[in-house]
N, C-alpha and C. Protein backbone atom coordinates (compact mmCIF):
# COMPACT_ATOMS: atom_id res chain seq x y z
N MET A 1 0.87 -1.16 -0.01
CA MET A 1 -0.01 0.01 -0.01
C MET A 1 0.88 1.22 0.00
N LYS A 2 0.49 2.25 -0.74
CA LYS A 2 1.21 3.49 -0.86
C LYS A 2 0.47 4.62 -0.25
N ALA A 3 1.16 5.60 0.24
CA ALA A 3 0.54 6.82 0.80
C ALA A 3 0.50 7.86 -0.30
N THR A 4 -0.56 8.69 -0.24
CA THR A 4 -0.70 9.81 -1.15
C THR A 4 -1.32 11.00 -0.41
N THR A 5 -1.24 12.13 -1.02
CA THR A 5 -1.82 13.33 -0.39
C THR A 5 -3.00 13.84 -1.23
N VAL A 6 -4.08 14.14 -0.54
CA VAL A 6 -5.27 14.62 -1.22
C VAL A 6 -5.79 15.81 -0.44
N ARG A 7 -6.19 16.90 -1.14
CA ARG A 7 -6.79 18.04 -0.49
C ARG A 7 -8.27 17.80 -0.36
N ILE A 8 -8.82 17.88 0.86
CA ILE A 8 -10.24 17.66 1.10
C ILE A 8 -10.76 18.84 1.90
N ASP A 9 -11.89 19.40 1.46
CA ASP A 9 -12.42 20.54 2.18
C ASP A 9 -12.86 20.15 3.58
N ASP A 10 -12.94 21.15 4.46
CA ASP A 10 -13.23 20.88 5.90
C ASP A 10 -14.54 20.18 6.12
N ASP A 11 -15.54 20.57 5.38
CA ASP A 11 -16.86 19.95 5.57
C ASP A 11 -16.83 18.48 5.22
N THR A 12 -16.21 18.16 4.11
CA THR A 12 -16.13 16.70 3.68
C THR A 12 -15.28 15.94 4.68
N LEU A 13 -14.17 16.49 5.11
CA LEU A 13 -13.33 15.79 6.06
C LEU A 13 -14.07 15.58 7.40
N GLY A 14 -14.88 16.53 7.79
CA GLY A 14 -15.70 16.37 8.99
C GLY A 14 -16.70 15.22 8.85
N ARG A 15 -17.30 15.13 7.66
CA ARG A 15 -18.23 14.05 7.40
C ARG A 15 -17.53 12.69 7.41
N ILE A 16 -16.33 12.64 6.79
CA ILE A 16 -15.52 11.42 6.77
C ILE A 16 -15.22 11.00 8.24
N ASP A 17 -14.73 11.97 9.05
CA ASP A 17 -14.40 11.65 10.41
C ASP A 17 -15.60 11.24 11.22
N GLY A 18 -16.76 11.88 10.99
CA GLY A 18 -17.96 11.49 11.69
C GLY A 18 -18.36 10.07 11.35
N LEU A 19 -18.30 9.72 10.10
CA LEU A 19 -18.66 8.36 9.69
C LEU A 19 -17.64 7.35 10.24
N ALA A 20 -16.38 7.69 10.17
CA ALA A 20 -15.33 6.82 10.74
C ALA A 20 -15.57 6.55 12.21
N ASN A 21 -15.97 7.61 12.94
CA ASN A 21 -16.23 7.49 14.39
C ASN A 21 -17.46 6.59 14.62
N THR A 22 -18.50 6.82 13.83
CA THR A 22 -19.75 6.02 13.96
C THR A 22 -19.47 4.54 13.69
N LEU A 23 -18.64 4.30 12.67
CA LEU A 23 -18.35 2.89 12.30
C LEU A 23 -17.20 2.27 13.06
N ASN A 24 -16.57 3.10 13.92
CA ASN A 24 -15.38 2.67 14.66
C ASN A 24 -14.31 2.18 13.72
N ARG A 25 -14.09 2.95 12.68
CA ARG A 25 -13.08 2.70 11.66
C ARG A 25 -12.16 3.90 11.57
N SER A 26 -11.07 3.74 10.83
CA SER A 26 -10.17 4.85 10.68
C SER A 26 -10.62 5.71 9.49
N ARG A 27 -10.13 6.97 9.52
CA ARG A 27 -10.38 7.88 8.36
C ARG A 27 -9.90 7.23 7.09
N SER A 28 -8.72 6.60 7.11
CA SER A 28 -8.16 5.98 5.92
C SER A 28 -9.10 4.88 5.40
N TRP A 29 -9.67 4.10 6.30
CA TRP A 29 -10.59 3.01 5.86
C TRP A 29 -11.79 3.59 5.11
N VAL A 30 -12.38 4.64 5.72
CA VAL A 30 -13.55 5.25 5.09
C VAL A 30 -13.21 5.77 3.73
N ILE A 31 -12.11 6.50 3.61
CA ILE A 31 -11.68 7.07 2.32
C ILE A 31 -11.43 5.98 1.31
N ASN A 32 -10.77 4.90 1.69
CA ASN A 32 -10.52 3.78 0.78
C ASN A 32 -11.76 3.10 0.35
N GLN A 33 -12.71 2.94 1.25
CA GLN A 33 -14.03 2.37 0.87
C GLN A 33 -14.72 3.24 -0.16
N ALA A 34 -14.72 4.54 0.11
CA ALA A 34 -15.38 5.50 -0.79
C ALA A 34 -14.76 5.44 -2.20
N ILE A 35 -13.45 5.49 -2.23
CA ILE A 35 -12.74 5.46 -3.51
C ILE A 35 -13.00 4.15 -4.25
N GLY A 36 -13.02 3.04 -3.52
CA GLY A 36 -13.26 1.75 -4.13
C GLY A 36 -14.66 1.69 -4.76
N ARG A 37 -15.67 2.16 -4.01
CA ARG A 37 -17.04 2.17 -4.51
C ARG A 37 -17.20 3.12 -5.74
N PHE A 38 -16.56 4.28 -5.64
CA PHE A 38 -16.57 5.18 -6.79
C PHE A 38 -15.99 4.55 -8.02
N LEU A 39 -14.86 3.88 -7.88
CA LEU A 39 -14.19 3.26 -9.05
C LEU A 39 -15.05 2.14 -9.65
N VAL A 40 -15.65 1.32 -8.78
CA VAL A 40 -16.51 0.25 -9.27
C VAL A 40 -17.66 0.84 -10.11
N TYR A 41 -18.31 1.89 -9.57
CA TYR A 41 -19.42 2.47 -10.26
C TYR A 41 -18.96 3.14 -11.58
N GLU A 42 -17.94 3.91 -11.54
CA GLU A 42 -17.48 4.67 -12.73
C GLU A 42 -17.02 3.70 -13.82
N GLU A 43 -16.32 2.62 -13.44
CA GLU A 43 -15.86 1.63 -14.42
C GLU A 43 -17.07 0.95 -15.06
N TRP A 44 -18.08 0.65 -14.23
CA TRP A 44 -19.30 0.02 -14.80
C TRP A 44 -19.98 0.99 -15.73
N PHE A 45 -20.14 2.26 -15.34
CA PHE A 45 -20.80 3.25 -16.16
C PHE A 45 -20.12 3.45 -17.49
N VAL A 46 -18.82 3.58 -17.48
CA VAL A 46 -18.03 3.75 -18.72
C VAL A 46 -18.27 2.58 -19.64
N GLN A 47 -18.24 1.35 -19.09
CA GLN A 47 -18.45 0.17 -19.91
C GLN A 47 -19.87 0.11 -20.50
N GLU A 48 -20.86 0.50 -19.69
CA GLU A 48 -22.23 0.57 -20.20
C GLU A 48 -22.38 1.52 -21.34
N VAL A 49 -21.74 2.69 -21.23
CA VAL A 49 -21.79 3.69 -22.32
C VAL A 49 -21.09 3.09 -23.59
N LYS A 50 -19.95 2.46 -23.39
CA LYS A 50 -19.27 1.87 -24.58
C LYS A 50 -20.16 0.82 -25.23
N ASP A 51 -20.80 -0.04 -24.40
CA ASP A 51 -21.65 -1.07 -24.94
C ASP A 51 -22.81 -0.47 -25.67
N GLY A 52 -23.43 0.60 -25.08
CA GLY A 52 -24.52 1.28 -25.71
C GLY A 52 -24.18 1.90 -27.06
N LEU A 53 -23.00 2.50 -27.12
CA LEU A 53 -22.55 3.06 -28.41
C LEU A 53 -22.33 1.98 -29.47
N LYS A 54 -21.84 0.82 -29.04
CA LYS A 54 -21.69 -0.29 -30.01
C LYS A 54 -23.02 -0.74 -30.49
N GLU A 55 -24.07 -0.78 -29.62
CA GLU A 55 -25.39 -1.16 -30.07
C GLU A 55 -25.92 -0.16 -31.08
N VAL A 56 -25.70 1.09 -30.85
CA VAL A 56 -26.12 2.13 -31.82
C VAL A 56 -25.43 1.92 -33.13
N GLU A 57 -24.11 1.68 -33.11
CA GLU A 57 -23.35 1.46 -34.36
C GLU A 57 -23.89 0.24 -35.13
N ARG A 58 -24.42 -0.76 -34.40
CA ARG A 58 -24.95 -1.94 -35.08
C ARG A 58 -26.40 -1.75 -35.45
N GLY A 59 -26.97 -0.60 -35.10
CA GLY A 59 -28.37 -0.32 -35.44
C GLY A 59 -29.37 -0.96 -34.53
N GLU A 60 -28.90 -1.35 -33.37
CA GLU A 60 -29.77 -2.03 -32.39
C GLU A 60 -30.41 -1.00 -31.48
N VAL A 61 -31.30 -0.19 -32.03
CA VAL A 61 -32.01 0.83 -31.29
C VAL A 61 -33.50 0.66 -31.49
N ALA A 62 -34.29 1.14 -30.52
CA ALA A 62 -35.74 1.06 -30.59
C ALA A 62 -36.23 2.18 -31.50
N THR A 63 -37.30 1.90 -32.21
CA THR A 63 -37.95 2.92 -33.01
C THR A 63 -38.84 3.76 -32.13
N ASP A 64 -39.26 4.94 -32.62
CA ASP A 64 -40.16 5.81 -31.87
C ASP A 64 -41.40 5.06 -31.44
N GLU A 65 -41.96 4.26 -32.35
CA GLU A 65 -43.17 3.53 -32.04
C GLU A 65 -42.90 2.50 -30.94
N GLU A 66 -41.78 1.79 -30.96
CA GLU A 66 -41.50 0.81 -29.93
C GLU A 66 -41.38 1.47 -28.56
N VAL A 67 -40.76 2.65 -28.53
CA VAL A 67 -40.65 3.37 -27.25
C VAL A 67 -42.02 3.84 -26.77
N ALA A 68 -42.82 4.39 -27.65
CA ALA A 68 -44.16 4.85 -27.30
C ALA A 68 -45.03 3.67 -26.81
N ALA A 69 -44.93 2.51 -27.48
CA ALA A 69 -45.67 1.35 -27.05
C ALA A 69 -45.29 0.91 -25.64
N ARG A 70 -44.00 0.96 -25.34
CA ARG A 70 -43.55 0.55 -24.00
C ARG A 70 -44.09 1.51 -22.96
N PHE A 71 -44.11 2.83 -23.25
CA PHE A 71 -44.65 3.79 -22.30
C PHE A 71 -46.13 3.57 -22.13
N ARG A 72 -46.86 3.28 -23.23
CA ARG A 72 -48.31 3.00 -23.14
C ARG A 72 -48.56 1.81 -22.25
N LYS A 73 -47.71 0.81 -22.37
CA LYS A 73 -47.83 -0.39 -21.56
C LYS A 73 -47.77 -0.05 -20.06
N TRP A 74 -47.00 0.96 -19.74
CA TRP A 74 -46.84 1.40 -18.36
C TRP A 74 -47.88 2.41 -17.98
N GLY A 75 -48.81 2.73 -18.91
CA GLY A 75 -49.85 3.67 -18.63
C GLY A 75 -49.46 5.13 -18.78
N VAL A 76 -48.41 5.38 -19.53
CA VAL A 76 -47.93 6.75 -19.75
C VAL A 76 -48.13 7.15 -21.19
N ASP A 77 -48.65 8.37 -21.42
CA ASP A 77 -48.80 8.85 -22.75
C ASP A 77 -47.47 9.45 -23.18
N ALA A 78 -46.83 8.83 -24.18
CA ALA A 78 -45.51 9.26 -24.63
C ALA A 78 -45.56 10.24 -25.80
N SER A 79 -46.76 10.68 -26.17
CA SER A 79 -46.82 11.59 -27.31
C SER A 79 -46.53 13.01 -26.94
């Protein structure tokens, strides 16, 4: 494990410390958990966007009528 320096505003640091205290964990643990969760989500999101763009390139998109029909199925007027 390596150390790094990050600038964090006072309000955010207070929230981190409060959560660390509540969980009986260290500040470092809370920050590492937050970064880990952020990375998992962002990596997933980027991959979903890439996959969606590939679907568009292959022409795998819904028509206006297909979208409207799905909304009508849910009881929503999509017009």
